[in-house]
Amino acid sequence: MNEKNNDFQARLQVLRDRYAASLPEKITAINTQWQCLDEEWDWGVAVVLHQMIHNLAGSGASFGYAQLSVQAREIDVELRIVIGEKVIPAPDDWAKLVRQLTDLQNVI
């Protein structure tokens, strides 16, 4: 039984490491989507961006990266409100949230 648990923990750590290694690419993609919105607001792009951030919040929690999940969820809520109310967010507010998310990847 203990051997199975050790095997499970080892496999889980491999998945966590792969997830952590993929974060720079995921955050770069989020920043790229935001830059597209910053140039010209498009609701379709905003919805895709929201989904990317929502997924990051959920997967961060699933892999045990609580800080990342909390920060991504904060952005997720802000963007969901923006999309729901069809309000364009202030670039400085959005940039601050994305910067915080980017900074978190350095902690992991």
C-alpha atoms as a PDB file:
ATOM      1  CA  MET A   1       0.000   0.000   0.000  1.00  0.00           C
ATOM      2  CA  ASN A   2       2.786   2.435   0.895  1.00  0.00           C
ATOM      3  CA  GLU A   3       4.576   1.614  -2.362  1.00  0.00           C
ATOM      4  CA  LYS A   4       1.435   2.529  -4.341  1.00  0.00           C
ATOM      5  CA  ASN A   5       1.163   5.803  -2.451  1.00  0.00           C
ATOM      6  CA  ASN A   6       4.819   6.611  -3.156  1.00  0.00           C
ATOM      7  CA  ASP A   7       4.294   5.800  -6.835  1.00  0.00           C
ATOM      8  CA  PHE A   8       1.221   8.030  -6.933  1.00  0.00           C
ATOM      9  CA  GLN A   9       3.077  10.896  -5.248  1.00  0.00           C
ATOM     10  CA  ALA A  10       5.976  10.550  -7.683  1.00  0.00           C
ATOM     11  CA  ARG A  11       3.637  10.650 -10.680  1.00  0.00           C
ATOM     12  CA  LEU A  12       1.791  13.606  -9.229  1.00  0.00           C
ATOM     13  CA  GLN A  13       5.074  15.469  -8.785  1.00  0.00           C
ATOM     14  CA  VAL A  14       5.957  14.827 -12.439  1.00  0.00           C
ATOM     15  CA  LEU A  15       2.600  16.345 -13.463  1.00  0.00           C
ATOM     16  CA  ARG A  16       3.123  19.319 -11.136  1.00  0.00           C
ATOM     17  CA  ASP A  17       6.580  19.903 -12.607  1.00  0.00           C
ATOM     18  CA  ARG A  18       5.220  19.769 -16.163  1.00  0.00           C
ATOM     19  CA  TYR A  19       2.447  22.164 -15.210  1.00  0.00           C
ATOM     20  CA  ALA A  20       4.915  24.589 -13.609  1.00  0.00           C
ATOM     21  CA  ALA A  21       7.136  24.388 -16.706  1.00  0.00           C
ATOM     22  CA  SER A  22       4.151  25.259 -18.928  1.00  0.00           C
ATOM     23  CA  LEU A  23       3.222  28.382 -16.939  1.00  0.00           C
ATOM     24  CA  PRO A  24       5.451  30.857 -18.783  1.00  0.00           C
ATOM     25  CA  GLU A  25       3.861  29.803 -22.082  1.00  0.00           C
ATOM     26  CA  LYS A  26       0.334  30.036 -20.639  1.00  0.00           C
ATOM     27  CA  ILE A  27       0.956  33.477 -19.161  1.00  0.00           C
ATOM     28  CA  THR A  28       2.571  34.679 -22.379  1.00  0.00           C
ATOM     29  CA  ALA A  29      -0.551  33.553 -24.247  1.00  0.00           C
ATOM     30  CA  ILE A  30      -2.731  35.453 -21.752  1.00  0.00           C
ATOM     31  CA  ASN A  31      -0.590  38.572 -22.216  1.00  0.00           C
ATOM     32  CA  THR A  32      -0.810  38.215 -26.003  1.00  0.00           C
ATOM     33  CA  GLN A  33      -4.599  37.979 -25.838  1.00  0.00           C
ATOM     34  CA  TRP A  34      -4.695  41.034 -23.580  1.00  0.00           C
ATOM     35  CA  GLN A  35      -2.502  43.003 -26.010  1.00  0.00           C
ATOM     36  CA  CYS A  36      -4.989  42.190 -28.776  1.00  0.00           C
ATOM     37  CA  LEU A  37      -7.767  43.582 -26.580  1.00  0.00           C
ATOM     38  CA  ASP A  38      -5.698  46.598 -25.607  1.00  0.00           C
ATOM     39  CA  GLU A  39      -5.325  47.517 -29.281  1.00  0.00           C
ATOM     40  CA  GLU A  40      -8.982  46.959 -30.142  1.00  0.00           C
ATOM     41  CA  TRP A  41     -11.644  45.666 -27.770  1.00  0.00           C
ATOM     42  CA  ASP A  42     -13.335  42.545 -29.117  1.00  0.00           C
ATOM     43  CA  TRP A  43     -15.879  40.620 -27.037  1.00  0.00           C
ATOM     44  CA  GLY A  44     -14.966  37.314 -28.705  1.00  0.00           C
ATOM     45  CA  VAL A  45     -11.318  37.734 -27.722  1.00  0.00           C
ATOM     46  CA  ALA A  46     -12.400  38.765 -24.214  1.00  0.00           C
ATOM     47  CA  VAL A  47     -14.395  35.550 -23.843  1.00  0.00           C
ATOM     48  CA  VAL A  48     -11.419  33.436 -24.991  1.00  0.00           C
ATOM     49  CA  LEU A  49      -9.169  35.333 -22.577  1.00  0.00           C
ATOM     50  CA  HIS A  50     -11.638  34.756 -19.763  1.00  0.00           C
ATOM     51  CA  GLN A  51     -11.632  31.011 -20.493  1.00  0.00           C
ATOM     52  CA  MET A  52      -7.826  30.894 -20.480  1.00  0.00           C
ATOM     53  CA  ILE A  53      -7.665  32.627 -17.100  1.00  0.00           C
ATOM     54  CA  HIS A  54     -10.514  30.554 -15.692  1.00  0.00           C
ATOM     55  CA  ASN A  55      -8.658  27.379 -16.701  1.00  0.00           C
ATOM     56  CA  LEU A  56      -5.459  28.680 -15.131  1.00  0.00           C
ATOM     57  CA  ALA A  57      -7.293  29.341 -11.852  1.00  0.00           C
ATOM     58  CA  GLY A  58      -8.735  25.828 -11.781  1.00  0.00           C
ATOM     59  CA  SER A  59      -5.612  23.997 -12.850  1.00  0.00           C
ATOM     60  CA  GLY A  60      -3.481  26.012 -10.442  1.00  0.00           C
ATOM     61  CA  ALA A  61      -5.683  24.830  -7.579  1.00  0.00           C
ATOM     62  CA  SER A  62      -5.695  21.252  -8.864  1.00  0.00           C
ATOM     63  CA  PHE A  63      -1.901  21.108  -8.913  1.00  0.00           C
ATOM     64  CA  GLY A  64      -1.517  22.709  -5.503  1.00  0.00           C
ATOM     65  CA  TYR A  65      -0.474  26.211  -6.535  1.00  0.00           C
ATOM     66  CA  ALA A  66      -2.855  28.112  -4.289  1.00  0.00           C
ATOM     67  CA  GLN A  67      -1.340  31.576  -4.818  1.00  0.00           C
ATOM     68  CA  LEU A  68      -1.522  31.228  -8.575  1.00  0.00           C
ATOM     69  CA  SER A  69      -5.104  30.022  -8.367  1.00  0.00           C
ATOM     70  CA  VAL A  70      -6.181  32.901  -6.117  1.00  0.00           C
ATOM     71  CA  GLN A  71      -4.585  35.520  -8.365  1.00  0.00           C
ATOM     72  CA  ALA A  72      -6.000  33.993 -11.542  1.00  0.00           C
ATOM     73  CA  ARG A  73      -9.438  33.767  -9.925  1.00  0.00           C
ATOM     74  CA  GLU A  74      -9.231  37.465  -9.045  1.00  0.00           C
ATOM     75  CA  ILE A  75      -8.608  38.283 -12.711  1.00  0.00           C
ATOM     76  CA  ASP A  76     -11.291  35.769 -13.716  1.00  0.00           C
ATOM     77  CA  VAL A  77     -13.894  37.541 -11.566  1.00  0.00           C
ATOM     78  CA  GLU A  78     -12.915  40.970 -12.876  1.00  0.00           C
ATOM     79  CA  LEU A  79     -13.087  39.853 -16.490  1.00  0.00           C
ATOM     80  CA  ARG A  80     -16.373  37.989 -15.963  1.00  0.00           C
ATOM     81  CA  ILE A  81     -17.898  41.174 -14.552  1.00  0.00           C
ATOM     82  CA  VAL A  82     -16.538  43.150 -17.488  1.00  0.00           C
ATOM     83  CA  ILE A  83     -17.922  40.689 -20.038  1.00  0.00           C
ATOM     84  CA  GLY A  84     -21.266  40.372 -18.258  1.00  0.00           C
ATOM     85  CA  GLU A  85     -21.722  44.123 -18.028  1.00  0.00           C
ATOM     86  CA  LYS A  86     -20.059  44.753 -21.392  1.00  0.00           C
ATOM     87  CA  VAL A  87     -17.655  47.263 -19.881  1.00  0.00           C
ATOM     88  CA  ILE A  88     -14.123  47.716 -21.149  1.00  0.00           C
ATOM     89  CA  PRO A  89     -11.654  47.482 -18.235  1.00  0.00           C
ATOM     90  CA  ALA A  90      -9.211  50.256 -17.556  1.00  0.00           C
ATOM     91  CA  PRO A  91      -5.859  49.240 -19.111  1.00  0.00           C
ATOM     92  CA  ASP A  92      -3.926  50.135 -15.959  1.00  0.00           C
ATOM     93  CA  ASP A  93      -6.182  47.987 -13.763  1.00  0.00           C
ATOM     94  CA  TRP A  94      -5.909  45.039 -16.108  1.00  0.00           C
ATOM     95  CA  ALA A  95      -2.155  45.449 -16.585  1.00  0.00           C
ATOM     96  CA  LYS A  96      -1.690  45.425 -12.793  1.00  0.00           C
ATOM     97  CA  LEU A  97      -3.591  42.138 -12.441  1.00  0.00           C
ATOM     98  CA  VAL A  98      -1.695  40.482 -15.281  1.00  0.00           C
ATOM     99  CA  ARG A  99       1.621  41.713 -13.832  1.00  0.00           C
ATOM    100  CA  GLN A 100       0.703  40.138 -10.494  1.00  0.00           C
ATOM    101  CA  LEU A 101      -0.097  36.878 -12.250  1.00  0.00           C
ATOM    102  CA  THR A 102       3.209  37.026 -14.143  1.00  0.00           C
ATOM    103  CA  ASP A 103       5.084  37.679 -10.907  1.00  0.00           C
ATOM    104  CA  LEU A 104       3.519  34.601  -9.348  1.00  0.00           C
ATOM    105  CA  GLN A 105       5.000  32.318 -11.966  1.00  0.00           C
ATOM    106  CA  ASN A 106       8.411  33.290 -10.588  1.00  0.00           C
ATOM    107  CA  VAL A 107       7.380  32.037  -7.140  1.00  0.00           C
ATOM    108  CA  ILE A 108       6.526  28.582  -8.473  1.00  0.00           C
END
